[in-house]
Amino acid sequence: MSAIFYHNEEQKKKAMESLKQQQSVMNTRLYTEILPASRFYSAEEYHQKYYLRQRKEIVAALKGIFRFEDDFRDSTATARLNGYFGRYLSFADLEGELNSSDLSAEDRKRILDSLQASAR
């Protein structure tokens, strides 16, 4: 089972529409609860960016960019990298996502170069 948490009625409406659309596309009932957001607790560090953390060499390179754990955890770029390693994004998708991120051009290049080197 999965859940979508909303903060206001507009988010609730969009979540319900999205769920209906996805059920229609998949032609099956999805067991996703749509609930009001309440107090949020971050998972332990080792659960954060799980797929990315399995790539020690990439994480080591990223530590030069994100010196503080909170910056690493909260970065959109690391979220996209985690999605890539979890196989939710292709390399081309990842490259596009990183190009629109808040990283400098130099840091984007370092990350993409590291990825390509680790794939060899």
PDB file of N, CA and C in Angstrom:
ATOM      1  N   MET A   1       0.839  -1.169   0.000  1.00  0.00           N
ATOM      2  CA  MET A   1       0.000   0.000   0.000  1.00  0.00           C
ATOM      3  C   MET A   1       0.886   1.235   0.000  1.00  0.00           C
ATOM      4  N   SER A   2       0.391   2.287  -0.618  1.00  0.00           N
ATOM      5  CA  SER A   2       1.113   3.548  -0.636  1.00  0.00           C
ATOM      6  C   SER A   2       0.190   4.645  -0.129  1.00  0.00           C
ATOM      7  N   ALA A   3       0.756   5.823   0.058  1.00  0.00           N
ATOM      8  CA  ALA A   3      -0.028   6.948   0.556  1.00  0.00           C
ATOM      9  C   ALA A   3       0.435   8.238  -0.095  1.00  0.00           C
ATOM     10  N   ILE A   4      -0.505   9.138  -0.250  1.00  0.00           N
ATOM     11  CA  ILE A   4      -0.231  10.497  -0.699  1.00  0.00           C
ATOM     12  C   ILE A   4      -0.750  11.405   0.408  1.00  0.00           C
ATOM     13  N   PHE A   5       0.091  12.325   0.848  1.00  0.00           N
ATOM     14  CA  PHE A   5      -0.300  13.239   1.913  1.00  0.00           C
ATOM     15  C   PHE A   5      -0.473  14.641   1.337  1.00  0.00           C
ATOM     16  N   TYR A   6      -1.552  15.282   1.702  1.00  0.00           N
ATOM     17  CA  TYR A   6      -1.835  16.619   1.188  1.00  0.00           C
ATOM     18  C   TYR A   6      -1.872  17.644   2.311  1.00  0.00           C
ATOM     19  N   HIS A   7      -1.606  18.907   1.921  1.00  0.00           N
ATOM     20  CA  HIS A   7      -1.605  20.007   2.883  1.00  0.00           C
ATOM     21  C   HIS A   7      -2.827  20.910   2.745  1.00  0.00           C
ATOM     22  N   ASN A   8      -3.503  20.841   1.603  1.00  0.00           N
ATOM     23  CA  ASN A   8      -4.673  21.691   1.405  1.00  0.00           C
ATOM     24  C   ASN A   8      -5.633  20.997   0.433  1.00  0.00           C
ATOM     25  N   GLU A   9      -6.781  21.584   0.247  1.00  0.00           N
ATOM     26  CA  GLU A   9      -7.824  20.969  -0.586  1.00  0.00           C
ATOM     27  C   GLU A   9      -7.406  20.859  -2.049  1.00  0.00           C
ATOM     28  N   GLU A  10      -6.632  21.820  -2.533  1.00  0.00           N
ATOM     29  CA  GLU A  10      -6.169  21.759  -3.922  1.00  0.00           C
ATOM     30  C   GLU A  10      -5.253  20.547  -4.128  1.00  0.00           C
ATOM     31  N   GLN A  11      -4.333  20.303  -3.200  1.00  0.00           N
ATOM     32  CA  GLN A  11      -3.464  19.128  -3.288  1.00  0.00           C
ATOM     33  C   GLN A  11      -4.286  17.843  -3.193  1.00  0.00           C
ATOM     34  N   LYS A  12      -5.276  17.829  -2.323  1.00  0.00           N
ATOM     35  CA  LYS A  12      -6.132  16.653  -2.182  1.00  0.00           C
ATOM     36  C   LYS A  12      -6.847  16.353  -3.505  1.00  0.00           C
ATOM     37  N   LYS A  13      -7.393  17.407  -4.104  1.00  0.00           N
ATOM     38  CA  LYS A  13      -8.098  17.259  -5.385  1.00  0.00           C
ATOM     39  C   LYS A  13      -7.154  16.705  -6.461  1.00  0.00           C
ATOM     40  N   LYS A  14      -5.955  17.268  -6.547  1.00  0.00           N
ATOM     41  CA  LYS A  14      -4.987  16.806  -7.547  1.00  0.00           C
ATOM     42  C   LYS A  14      -4.559  15.365  -7.286  1.00  0.00           C
ATOM     43  N   ALA A  15      -4.389  15.009  -6.021  1.00  0.00           N
ATOM     44  CA  ALA A  15      -4.008  13.636  -5.683  1.00  0.00           C
ATOM     45  C   ALA A  15      -5.104  12.659  -6.100  1.00  0.00           C
ATOM     46  N   MET A  16      -6.352  13.016  -5.849  1.00  0.00           N
ATOM     47  CA  MET A  16      -7.460  12.135  -6.220  1.00  0.00           C
ATOM     48  C   MET A  16      -7.569  12.000  -7.739  1.00  0.00           C
ATOM     49  N   GLU A  17      -7.390  13.113  -8.446  1.00  0.00           N
ATOM     50  CA  GLU A  17      -7.420  13.069  -9.914  1.00  0.00           C
ATOM     51  C   GLU A  17      -6.288  12.197 -10.453  1.00  0.00           C
ATOM     52  N   SER A  18      -5.098  12.364  -9.883  1.00  0.00           N
ATOM     53  CA  SER A  18      -3.941  11.583 -10.319  1.00  0.00           C
ATOM     54  C   SER A  18      -4.156  10.096 -10.071  1.00  0.00           C
ATOM     55  N   LEU A  19      -4.702   9.758  -8.922  1.00  0.00           N
ATOM     56  CA  LEU A  19      -4.969   8.364  -8.597  1.00  0.00           C
ATOM     57  C   LEU A  19      -5.963   7.761  -9.584  1.00  0.00           C
ATOM     58  N   LYS A  20      -7.034   8.472  -9.866  1.00  0.00           N
ATOM     59  CA  LYS A  20      -8.044   7.988 -10.829  1.00  0.00           C
ATOM     60  C   LYS A  20      -7.425   7.801 -12.208  1.00  0.00           C
ATOM     61  N   GLN A  21      -6.618   8.767 -12.625  1.00  0.00           N
ATOM     62  CA  GLN A  21      -5.972   8.672 -13.934  1.00  0.00           C
ATOM     63  C   GLN A  21      -5.040   7.464 -13.999  1.00  0.00           C
ATOM     64  N   GLN A  22      -4.246   7.262 -12.967  1.00  0.00           N
ATOM     65  CA  GLN A  22      -3.303   6.142 -12.958  1.00  0.00           C
ATOM     66  C   GLN A  22      -4.041   4.802 -12.942  1.00  0.00           C
ATOM     67  N   GLN A  23      -5.139   4.723 -12.211  1.00  0.00           N
ATOM     68  CA  GLN A  23      -5.938   3.493 -12.186  1.00  0.00           C
ATOM     69  C   GLN A  23      -6.498   3.208 -13.575  1.00  0.00           C
ATOM     70  N   SER A  24      -6.905   4.254 -14.275  1.00  0.00           N
ATOM     71  CA  SER A  24      -7.437   4.099 -15.623  1.00  0.00           C
ATOM     72  C   SER A  24      -6.353   3.612 -16.580  1.00  0.00           C
ATOM     73  N   VAL A  25      -5.159   4.211 -16.483  1.00  0.00           N
ATOM     74  CA  VAL A  25      -4.036   3.822 -17.346  1.00  0.00           C
ATOM     75  C   VAL A  25      -3.651   2.367 -17.095  1.00  0.00           C
ATOM     76  N   MET A  26      -3.604   1.984 -15.827  1.00  0.00           N
ATOM     77  CA  MET A  26      -3.165   0.637 -15.462  1.00  0.00           C
ATOM     78  C   MET A  26      -4.310  -0.385 -15.494  1.00  0.00           C
ATOM     79  N   ASN A  27      -5.540   0.123 -15.625  1.00  0.00           N
ATOM     80  CA  ASN A  27      -6.720  -0.729 -15.670  1.00  0.00           C
ATOM     81  C   ASN A  27      -6.805  -1.659 -14.453  1.00  0.00           C
ATOM     82  N   THR A  28      -6.537  -1.085 -13.293  1.00  0.00           N
ATOM     83  CA  THR A  28      -6.603  -1.845 -12.047  1.00  0.00           C
ATOM     84  C   THR A  28      -6.835  -0.886 -10.889  1.00  0.00           C
ATOM     85  N   ARG A  29      -7.299  -1.412  -9.792  1.00  0.00           N
ATOM     86  CA  ARG A  29      -7.488  -0.599  -8.593  1.00  0.00           C
ATOM     87  C   ARG A  29      -6.144  -0.475  -7.883  1.00  0.00           C
ATOM     88  N   LEU A  30      -5.779   0.739  -7.541  1.00  0.00           N
ATOM     89  CA  LEU A  30      -4.549   0.982  -6.789  1.00  0.00           C
ATOM     90  C   LEU A  30      -4.918   1.247  -5.339  1.00  0.00           C
ATOM     91  N   TYR A  31      -4.178   0.657  -4.448  1.00  0.00           N
ATOM     92  CA  TYR A  31      -4.437   0.796  -3.020  1.00  0.00           C
ATOM     93  C   TYR A  31      -3.537   1.890  -2.456  1.00  0.00           C
ATOM     94  N   THR A  32      -3.947   3.104  -2.714  1.00  0.00           N
ATOM     95  CA  THR A  32      -3.217   4.276  -2.260  1.00  0.00           C
ATOM     96  C   THR A  32      -4.159   5.116  -1.417  1.00  0.00           C
ATOM     97  N   GLU A  33      -3.757   5.367  -0.195  1.00  0.00           N
ATOM     98  CA  GLU A  33      -4.542   6.227   0.679  1.00  0.00           C
ATOM     99  C   GLU A  33      -4.174   7.678   0.412  1.00  0.00           C
ATOM    100  N   ILE A  34      -5.157   8.547   0.464  1.00  0.00           N
ATOM    101  CA  ILE A  34      -4.943   9.988   0.334  1.00  0.00           C
ATOM    102  C   ILE A  34      -5.342  10.588   1.676  1.00  0.00           C
ATOM    103  N   LEU A  35      -4.330  11.108   2.375  1.00  0.00           N
ATOM    104  CA  LEU A  35      -4.511  11.512   3.770  1.00  0.00           C
ATOM    105  C   LEU A  35      -3.977  12.922   4.023  1.00  0.00           C
ATOM    106  N   PRO A  36      -4.542  13.608   5.007  1.00  0.00           N
ATOM    107  CA  PRO A  36      -3.975  14.915   5.350  1.00  0.00           C
ATOM    108  C   PRO A  36      -2.572  14.750   5.949  1.00  0.00           C
ATOM    109  N   ALA A  37      -1.699  15.659   5.583  1.00  0.00           N
ATOM    110  CA  ALA A  37      -0.334  15.622   6.126  1.00  0.00           C
ATOM    111  C   ALA A  37      -0.376  15.964   7.606  1.00  0.00           C
ATOM    112  N   SER A  38       0.471  15.309   8.335  1.00  0.00           N
ATOM    113  CA  SER A  38       0.597  15.604   9.760  1.00  0.00           C
ATOM    114  C   SER A  38       2.083  15.752  10.058  1.00  0.00           C
ATOM    115  N   ARG A  39       2.464  15.563  11.266  1.00  0.00           N
ATOM    116  CA  ARG A  39       3.874  15.716  11.631  1.00  0.00           C
ATOM    117  C   ARG A  39       4.734  14.752  10.819  1.00  0.00           C
ATOM    118  N   PHE A  40       5.838  15.261  10.307  1.00  0.00           N
ATOM    119  CA  PHE A  40       6.729  14.472   9.455  1.00  0.00           C
ATOM    120  C   PHE A  40       8.023  14.181  10.202  1.00  0.00           C
ATOM    121  N   TYR A  41       8.479  12.960  10.098  1.00  0.00           N
ATOM    122  CA  TYR A  41       9.741  12.551  10.690  1.00  0.00           C
ATOM    123  C   TYR A  41      10.647  12.037   9.574  1.00  0.00           C
ATOM    124  N   SER A  42      11.830  12.603   9.472  1.00  0.00           N
ATOM    125  CA  SER A  42      12.789  12.121   8.483  1.00  0.00           C
ATOM    126  C   SER A  42      13.269  10.728   8.877  1.00  0.00           C
ATOM    127  N   ALA A  43      13.504   9.918   7.876  1.00  0.00           N
ATOM    128  CA  ALA A  43      14.064   8.588   8.127  1.00  0.00           C
ATOM    129  C   ALA A  43      15.516   8.736   8.577  1.00  0.00           C
ATOM    130  N   GLU A  44      16.043   7.659   9.122  1.00  0.00           N
ATOM    131  CA  GLU A  44      17.441   7.657   9.525  1.00  0.00           C
ATOM    132  C   GLU A  44      18.327   7.929   8.312  1.00  0.00           C
ATOM    133  N   GLU A  45      19.510   8.456   8.585  1.00  0.00           N
ATOM    134  CA  GLU A  45      20.426   8.854   7.512  1.00  0.00           C
ATOM    135  C   GLU A  45      20.658   7.730   6.502  1.00  0.00           C
ATOM    136  N   TYR A  46      20.843   6.495   6.981  1.00  0.00           N
ATOM    137  CA  TYR A  46      21.165   5.405   6.056  1.00  0.00           C
ATOM    138  C   TYR A  46      19.996   5.039   5.138  1.00  0.00           C
ATOM    139  N   HIS A  47      18.792   5.520   5.434  1.00  0.00           N
ATOM    140  CA  HIS A  47      17.646   5.314   4.545  1.00  0.00           C
ATOM    141  C   HIS A  47      17.506   6.441   3.525  1.00  0.00           C
ATOM    142  N   GLN A  48      18.111   7.580   3.814  1.00  0.00           N
ATOM    143  CA  GLN A  48      18.011   8.731   2.926  1.00  0.00           C
ATOM    144  C   GLN A  48      18.855   8.483   1.675  1.00  0.00           C
ATOM    145  N   LYS A  49      18.248   8.683   0.521  1.00  0.00           N
ATOM    146  CA  LYS A  49      18.940   8.498  -0.767  1.00  0.00           C
ATOM    147  C   LYS A  49      19.551   7.089  -0.831  1.00  0.00           C
ATOM    148  N   TYR A  50      18.749   6.107  -0.529  1.00  0.00           N
ATOM    149  CA  TYR A  50      19.208   4.724  -0.368  1.00  0.00           C
ATOM    150  C   TYR A  50      19.979   4.209  -1.588  1.00  0.00           C
ATOM    151  N   TYR A  51      19.399   4.351  -2.784  1.00  0.00           N
ATOM    152  CA  TYR A  51      20.067   3.810  -3.979  1.00  0.00           C
ATOM    153  C   TYR A  51      21.383   4.538  -4.249  1.00  0.00           C
ATOM    154  N   LEU A  52      21.372   5.833  -4.051  1.00  0.00           N
ATOM    155  CA  LEU A  52      22.587   6.613  -4.260  1.00  0.00           C
ATOM    156  C   LEU A  52      23.665   6.202  -3.270  1.00  0.00           C
ATOM    157  N   ARG A  53      23.301   5.981  -2.033  1.00  0.00           N
ATOM    158  CA  ARG A  53      24.295   5.623  -0.998  1.00  0.00           C
ATOM    159  C   ARG A  53      24.972   4.275  -1.273  1.00  0.00           C
ATOM    160  N   GLN A  54      24.408   3.467  -2.132  1.00  0.00           N
ATOM    161  CA  GLN A  54      25.038   2.197  -2.490  1.00  0.00           C
ATOM    162  C   GLN A  54      26.235   2.416  -3.415  1.00  0.00           C
ATOM    163  N   ARG A  55      26.330   3.609  -3.982  1.00  0.00           N
ATOM    164  CA  ARG A  55      27.432   3.971  -4.890  1.00  0.00           C
ATOM    165  C   ARG A  55      28.433   4.833  -4.135  1.00  0.00           C
ATOM    166  N   LYS A  56      29.275   4.178  -3.382  1.00  0.00           N
ATOM    167  CA  LYS A  56      30.206   4.866  -2.474  1.00  0.00           C
ATOM    168  C   LYS A  56      31.102   5.874  -3.202  1.00  0.00           C
ATOM    169  N   GLU A  57      31.563   5.531  -4.414  1.00  0.00           N
ATOM    170  CA  GLU A  57      32.462   6.432  -5.135  1.00  0.00           C
ATOM    171  C   GLU A  57      31.742   7.716  -5.554  1.00  0.00           C
ATOM    172  N   ILE A  58      30.466   7.603  -5.911  1.00  0.00           N
ATOM    173  CA  ILE A  58      29.695   8.785  -6.294  1.00  0.00           C
ATOM    174  C   ILE A  58      29.410   9.641  -5.052  1.00  0.00           C
ATOM    175  N   VAL A  59      29.037   8.985  -3.959  1.00  0.00           N
ATOM    176  CA  VAL A  59      28.781   9.716  -2.709  1.00  0.00           C
ATOM    177  C   VAL A  59      30.038  10.464  -2.273  1.00  0.00           C
ATOM    178  N   ALA A  60      31.193   9.818  -2.390  1.00  0.00           N
ATOM    179  CA  ALA A  60      32.446  10.479  -2.011  1.00  0.00           C
ATOM    180  C   ALA A  60      32.671  11.722  -2.867  1.00  0.00           C
ATOM    181  N   ALA A  61      32.387  11.632  -4.156  1.00  0.00           N
ATOM    182  CA  ALA A  61      32.537  12.798  -5.033  1.00  0.00           C
ATOM    183  C   ALA A  61      31.536  13.892  -4.654  1.00  0.00           C
ATOM    184  N   LEU A  62      30.341  13.495  -4.275  1.00  0.00           N
ATOM    185  CA  LEU A  62      29.313  14.468  -3.916  1.00  0.00           C
ATOM    186  C   LEU A  62      29.617  15.182  -2.605  1.00  0.00           C
ATOM    187  N   LYS A  63      30.353  14.530  -1.732  1.00  0.00           N
ATOM    188  CA  LYS A  63      30.695  15.153  -0.453  1.00  0.00           C
ATOM    189  C   LYS A  63      31.547  16.403  -0.658  1.00  0.00           C
ATOM    190  N   GLY A  64      32.234  16.484  -1.799  1.00  0.00           N
ATOM    191  CA  GLY A  64      32.971  17.703  -2.116  1.00  0.00           C
ATOM    192  C   GLY A  64      32.047  18.846  -2.513  1.00  0.00           C
ATOM    193  N   ILE A  65      30.867  18.504  -2.989  1.00  0.00           N
ATOM    194  CA  ILE A  65      29.882  19.512  -3.384  1.00  0.00           C
ATOM    195  C   ILE A  65      28.964  19.838  -2.206  1.00  0.00           C
ATOM    196  N   PHE A  66      28.495  18.801  -1.535  1.00  0.00           N
ATOM    197  CA  PHE A  66      27.575  18.962  -0.409  1.00  0.00           C
ATOM    198  C   PHE A  66      28.338  18.635   0.872  1.00  0.00           C
ATOM    199  N   ARG A  67      28.900  19.633   1.491  1.00  0.00           N
ATOM    200  CA  ARG A  67      29.762  19.421   2.650  1.00  0.00           C
ATOM    201  C   ARG A  67      28.992  19.039   3.908  1.00  0.00           C
ATOM    202  N   PHE A  68      27.717  19.424   3.971  1.00  0.00           N
ATOM    203  CA  PHE A  68      26.907  19.130   5.144  1.00  0.00           C
ATOM    204  C   PHE A  68      25.855  18.080   4.796  1.00  0.00           C
ATOM    205  N   GLU A  69      25.618  17.169   5.711  1.00  0.00           N
ATOM    206  CA  GLU A  69      24.667  16.079   5.485  1.00  0.00           C
ATOM    207  C   GLU A  69      23.279  16.604   5.118  1.00  0.00           C
ATOM    208  N   ASP A  70      22.838  17.665   5.764  1.00  0.00           N
ATOM    209  CA  ASP A  70      21.516  18.231   5.450  1.00  0.00           C
ATOM    210  C   ASP A  70      21.455  18.704   3.998  1.00  0.00           C
ATOM    211  N   ASP A  71      22.538  19.307   3.514  1.00  0.00           N
ATOM    212  CA  ASP A  71      22.572  19.763   2.122  1.00  0.00           C
ATOM    213  C   ASP A  71      22.514  18.579   1.166  1.00  0.00           C
ATOM    214  N   PHE A  72      23.233  17.511   1.479  1.00  0.00           N
ATOM    215  CA  PHE A  72      23.209  16.289   0.678  1.00  0.00           C
ATOM    216  C   PHE A  72      21.803  15.704   0.662  1.00  0.00           C
ATOM    217  N   ARG A  73      21.208  15.561   1.836  1.00  0.00           N
ATOM    218  CA  ARG A  73      19.884  14.956   1.971  1.00  0.00           C
ATOM    219  C   ARG A  73      18.812  15.767   1.244  1.00  0.00           C
ATOM    220  N   ASP A  74      18.891  17.090   1.347  1.00  0.00           N
ATOM    221  CA  ASP A  74      17.830  17.945   0.839  1.00  0.00           C
ATOM    222  C   ASP A  74      18.014  18.373  -0.612  1.00  0.00           C
ATOM    223  N   SER A  75      19.105  18.007  -1.227  1.00  0.00           N
ATOM    224  CA  SER A  75      19.397  18.442  -2.595  1.00  0.00           C
ATOM    225  C   SER A  75      18.495  17.769  -3.627  1.00  0.00           C
ATOM    226  N   THR A  76      17.979  18.576  -4.531  1.00  0.00           N
ATOM    227  CA  THR A  76      17.222  18.037  -5.655  1.00  0.00           C
ATOM    228  C   THR A  76      18.124  17.173  -6.535  1.00  0.00           C
ATOM    229  N   ALA A  77      19.372  17.594  -6.691  1.00  0.00           N
ATOM    230  CA  ALA A  77      20.308  16.828  -7.523  1.00  0.00           C
ATOM    231  C   ALA A  77      20.527  15.429  -6.952  1.00  0.00           C
ATOM    232  N   THR A  78      20.717  15.306  -5.635  1.00  0.00           N
ATOM    233  CA  THR A  78      20.913  13.971  -5.068  1.00  0.00           C
ATOM    234  C   THR A  78      19.625  13.152  -5.144  1.00  0.00           C
ATOM    235  N   ALA A  79      18.476  13.816  -5.066  1.00  0.00           N
ATOM    236  CA  ALA A  79      17.208  13.090  -5.238  1.00  0.00           C
ATOM    237  C   ALA A  79      17.122  12.521  -6.645  1.00  0.00           C
ATOM    238  N   ARG A  80      17.534  13.301  -7.628  1.00  0.00           N
ATOM    239  CA  ARG A  80      17.504  12.823  -9.019  1.00  0.00           C
ATOM    240  C   ARG A  80      18.502  11.684  -9.232  1.00  0.00           C
ATOM    241  N   LEU A  81      19.680  11.814  -8.629  1.00  0.00           N
ATOM    242  CA  LEU A  81      20.664  10.735  -8.729  1.00  0.00           C
ATOM    243  C   LEU A  81      20.135   9.467  -8.074  1.00  0.00           C
ATOM    244  N   ASN A  82      19.483   9.605  -6.950  1.00  0.00           N
ATOM    245  CA  ASN A  82      18.886   8.448  -6.283  1.00  0.00           C
ATOM    246  C   ASN A  82      17.855   7.788  -7.202  1.00  0.00           C
ATOM    247  N   GLY A  83      17.051   8.594  -7.870  1.00  0.00           N
ATOM    248  CA  GLY A  83      16.073   8.063  -8.825  1.00  0.00           C
ATOM    249  C   GLY A  83      16.741   7.350  -9.987  1.00  0.00           C
ATOM    250  N   TYR A  84      17.854   7.892 -10.440  1.00  0.00           N
ATOM    251  CA  TYR A  84      18.601   7.254 -11.528  1.00  0.00           C
ATOM    252  C   TYR A  84      19.118   5.882 -11.092  1.00  0.00           C
ATOM    253  N   PHE A  85      19.736   5.822  -9.921  1.00  0.00           N
ATOM    254  CA  PHE A  85      20.266   4.545  -9.450  1.00  0.00           C
ATOM    255  C   PHE A  85      19.168   3.566  -9.056  1.00  0.00           C
ATOM    256  N   GLY A  86      17.988   4.095  -8.732  1.00  0.00           N
ATOM    257  CA  GLY A  86      16.840   3.227  -8.466  1.00  0.00           C
ATOM    258  C   GLY A  86      16.130   2.814  -9.747  1.00  0.00           C
ATOM    259  N   ARG A  87      16.673   3.254 -10.880  1.00  0.00           N
ATOM    260  CA  ARG A  87      16.165   2.951 -12.216  1.00  0.00           C
ATOM    261  C   ARG A  87      14.809   3.576 -12.511  1.00  0.00           C
ATOM    262  N   TYR A  88      14.603   4.760 -11.941  1.00  0.00           N
ATOM    263  CA  TYR A  88      13.397   5.522 -12.226  1.00  0.00           C
ATOM    264  C   TYR A  88      13.644   6.589 -13.281  1.00  0.00           C
ATOM    265  N   LEU A  89      14.921   6.843 -13.599  1.00  0.00           N
ATOM    266  CA  LEU A  89      15.313   7.820 -14.613  1.00  0.00           C
ATOM    267  C   LEU A  89      16.368   7.212 -15.512  1.00  0.00           C
ATOM    268  N   SER A  90      16.304   7.539 -16.802  1.00  0.00           N
ATOM    269  CA  SER A  90      17.370   7.143 -17.717  1.00  0.00           C
ATOM    270  C   SER A  90      18.517   8.139 -17.567  1.00  0.00           C
ATOM    271  N   PHE A  91      19.668   7.810 -18.154  1.00  0.00           N
ATOM    272  CA  PHE A  91      20.800   8.738 -18.084  1.00  0.00           C
ATOM    273  C   PHE A  91      20.436  10.058 -18.754  1.00  0.00           C
ATOM    274  N   ALA A  92      19.750   9.995 -19.898  1.00  0.00           N
ATOM    275  CA  ALA A  92      19.354  11.224 -20.594  1.00  0.00           C
ATOM    276  C   ALA A  92      18.413  12.063 -19.727  1.00  0.00           C
ATOM    277  N   ASP A  93      17.467  11.393 -19.056  1.00  0.00           N
ATOM    278  CA  ASP A  93      16.559  12.107 -18.149  1.00  0.00           C
ATOM    279  C   ASP A  93      17.342  12.756 -17.017  1.00  0.00           C
ATOM    280  N   LEU A  94      18.276  11.995 -16.442  1.00  0.00           N
ATOM    281  CA  LEU A  94      19.082  12.513 -15.343  1.00  0.00           C
ATOM    282  C   LEU A  94      19.884  13.729 -15.790  1.00  0.00           C
ATOM    283  N   GLU A  95      20.486  13.634 -16.955  1.00  0.00           N
ATOM    284  CA  GLU A  95      21.282  14.743 -17.479  1.00  0.00           C
ATOM    285  C   GLU A  95      20.415  15.994 -17.620  1.00  0.00           C
ATOM    286  N   GLY A  96      19.206  15.834 -18.152  1.00  0.00           N
ATOM    287  CA  GLY A  96      18.294  16.967 -18.274  1.00  0.00           C
ATOM    288  C   GLY A  96      17.906  17.536 -16.922  1.00  0.00           C
ATOM    289  N   GLU A  97      17.635  16.647 -15.952  1.00  0.00           N
ATOM    290  CA  GLU A  97      17.270  17.088 -14.604  1.00  0.00           C
ATOM    291  C   GLU A  97      18.420  17.854 -13.956  1.00  0.00           C
ATOM    292  N   LEU A  98      19.625  17.331 -14.088  1.00  0.00           N
ATOM    293  CA  LEU A  98      20.777  18.010 -13.490  1.00  0.00           C
ATOM    294  C   LEU A  98      21.037  19.354 -14.156  1.00  0.00           C
ATOM    295  N   ASN A  99      20.815  19.415 -15.461  1.00  0.00           N
ATOM    296  CA  ASN A  99      21.035  20.676 -16.170  1.00  0.00           C
ATOM    297  C   ASN A  99      20.067  21.764 -15.719  1.00  0.00           C
ATOM    298  N   SER A 100      18.922  21.362 -15.179  1.00  0.00           N
ATOM    299  CA  SER A 100      17.974  22.372 -14.684  1.00  0.00           C
ATOM    300  C   SER A 100      18.049  22.511 -13.158  1.00  0.00           C
ATOM    301  N   SER A 101      19.060  21.902 -12.550  1.00  0.00           N
ATOM    302  CA  SER A 101      19.206  21.963 -11.090  1.00  0.00           C
ATOM    303  C   SER A 101      19.935  23.232 -10.677  1.00  0.00           C
ATOM    304  N   ASP A 102      20.074  23.396  -9.373  1.00  0.00           N
ATOM    305  CA  ASP A 102      20.757  24.567  -8.844  1.00  0.00           C
ATOM    306  C   ASP A 102      22.268  24.381  -8.743  1.00  0.00           C
ATOM    307  N   LEU A 103      22.780  23.284  -9.273  1.00  0.00           N
ATOM    308  CA  LEU A 103      24.219  23.041  -9.256  1.00  0.00           C
ATOM    309  C   LEU A 103      24.925  23.909 -10.287  1.00  0.00           C
ATOM    310  N   SER A 104      26.173  24.210 -10.022  1.00  0.00           N
ATOM    311  CA  SER A 104      26.967  24.943 -11.004  1.00  0.00           C
ATOM    312  C   SER A 104      27.253  24.026 -12.191  1.00  0.00           C
ATOM    313  N   ALA A 105      27.590  24.623 -13.308  1.00  0.00           N
ATOM    314  CA  ALA A 105      27.930  23.840 -14.499  1.00  0.00           C
ATOM    315  C   ALA A 105      29.112  22.914 -14.212  1.00  0.00           C
ATOM    316  N   GLU A 106      30.073  23.418 -13.446  1.00  0.00           N
ATOM    317  CA  GLU A 106      31.251  22.611 -13.093  1.00  0.00           C
ATOM    318  C   GLU A 106      30.847  21.396 -12.253  1.00  0.00           C
ATOM    319  N   ASP A 107      29.963  21.589 -11.268  1.00  0.00           N
ATOM    320  CA  ASP A 107      29.536  20.475 -10.423  1.00  0.00           C
ATOM    321  C   ASP A 107      28.696  19.461 -11.219  1.00  0.00           C
ATOM    322  N   ARG A 108      27.845  19.956 -12.110  1.00  0.00           N
ATOM    323  CA  ARG A 108      27.064  19.025 -12.956  1.00  0.00           C
ATOM    324  C   ARG A 108      28.002  18.169 -13.795  1.00  0.00           C
ATOM    325  N   LYS A 109      29.019  18.802 -14.371  1.00  0.00           N
ATOM    326  CA  LYS A 109      29.980  18.061 -15.186  1.00  0.00           C
ATOM    327  C   LYS A 109      30.720  17.026 -14.349  1.00  0.00           C
ATOM    328  N   ARG A 110      31.148  17.397 -13.144  1.00  0.00           N
ATOM    329  CA  ARG A 110      31.848  16.456 -12.261  1.00  0.00           C
ATOM    330  C   ARG A 110      30.976  15.239 -11.965  1.00  0.00           C
ATOM    331  N   ILE A 111      29.708  15.474 -11.684  1.00  0.00           N
ATOM    332  CA  ILE A 111      28.794  14.362 -11.372  1.00  0.00           C
ATOM    333  C   ILE A 111      28.601  13.473 -12.590  1.00  0.00           C
ATOM    334  N   LEU A 112      28.312  14.064 -13.735  1.00  0.00           N
ATOM    335  CA  LEU A 112      28.080  13.274 -14.940  1.00  0.00           C
ATOM    336  C   LEU A 112      29.344  12.525 -15.365  1.00  0.00           C
ATOM    337  N   ASP A 113      30.493  13.170 -15.240  1.00  0.00           N
ATOM    338  CA  ASP A 113      31.765  12.490 -15.551  1.00  0.00           C
ATOM    339  C   ASP A 113      31.995  11.312 -14.610  1.00  0.00           C
ATOM    340  N   SER A 114      31.687  11.491 -13.328  1.00  0.00           N
ATOM    341  CA  SER A 114      31.840  10.404 -12.348  1.00  0.00           C
ATOM    342  C   SER A 114      30.918   9.244 -12.687  1.00  0.00           C
ATOM    343  N   LEU A 115      29.710   9.561 -13.090  1.00  0.00           N
ATOM    344  CA  LEU A 115      28.754   8.505 -13.456  1.00  0.00           C
ATOM    345  C   LEU A 115      29.241   7.723 -14.665  1.00  0.00           C
ATOM    346  N   GLN A 116      29.695   8.449 -15.663  1.00  0.00           N
ATOM    347  CA  GLN A 116      30.179   7.773 -16.865  1.00  0.00           C
ATOM    348  C   GLN A 116      31.416   6.930 -16.571  1.00  0.00           C
ATOM    349  N   ALA A 117      32.294   7.419 -15.714  1.00  0.00           N
ATOM    350  CA  ALA A 117      33.505   6.669 -15.359  1.00  0.00           C
ATOM    351  C   ALA A 117      33.135   5.416 -14.572  1.00  0.00           C
ATOM    352  N   SER A 118      32.150   5.516 -13.696  1.00  0.00           N
ATOM    353  CA  SER A 118      31.761   4.345 -12.886  1.00  0.00           C
ATOM    354  C   SER A 118      31.009   3.308 -13.707  1.00  0.00           C
ATOM    355  N   ALA A 119      30.468   3.713 -14.852  1.00  0.00           N
ATOM    356  CA  ALA A 119      29.734   2.773 -15.709  1.00  0.00           C
ATOM    357  C   ALA A 119      30.674   1.935 -16.572  1.00  0.00           C
ATOM    358  N   ARG A 120      31.920   2.347 -16.675  1.00  0.00           N
ATOM    359  CA  ARG A 120      32.883   1.625 -17.530  1.00  0.00           C
ATOM    360  C   ARG A 120      33.384   0.384 -16.876  1.00  0.00           C
TER     361      ARG A 120
END
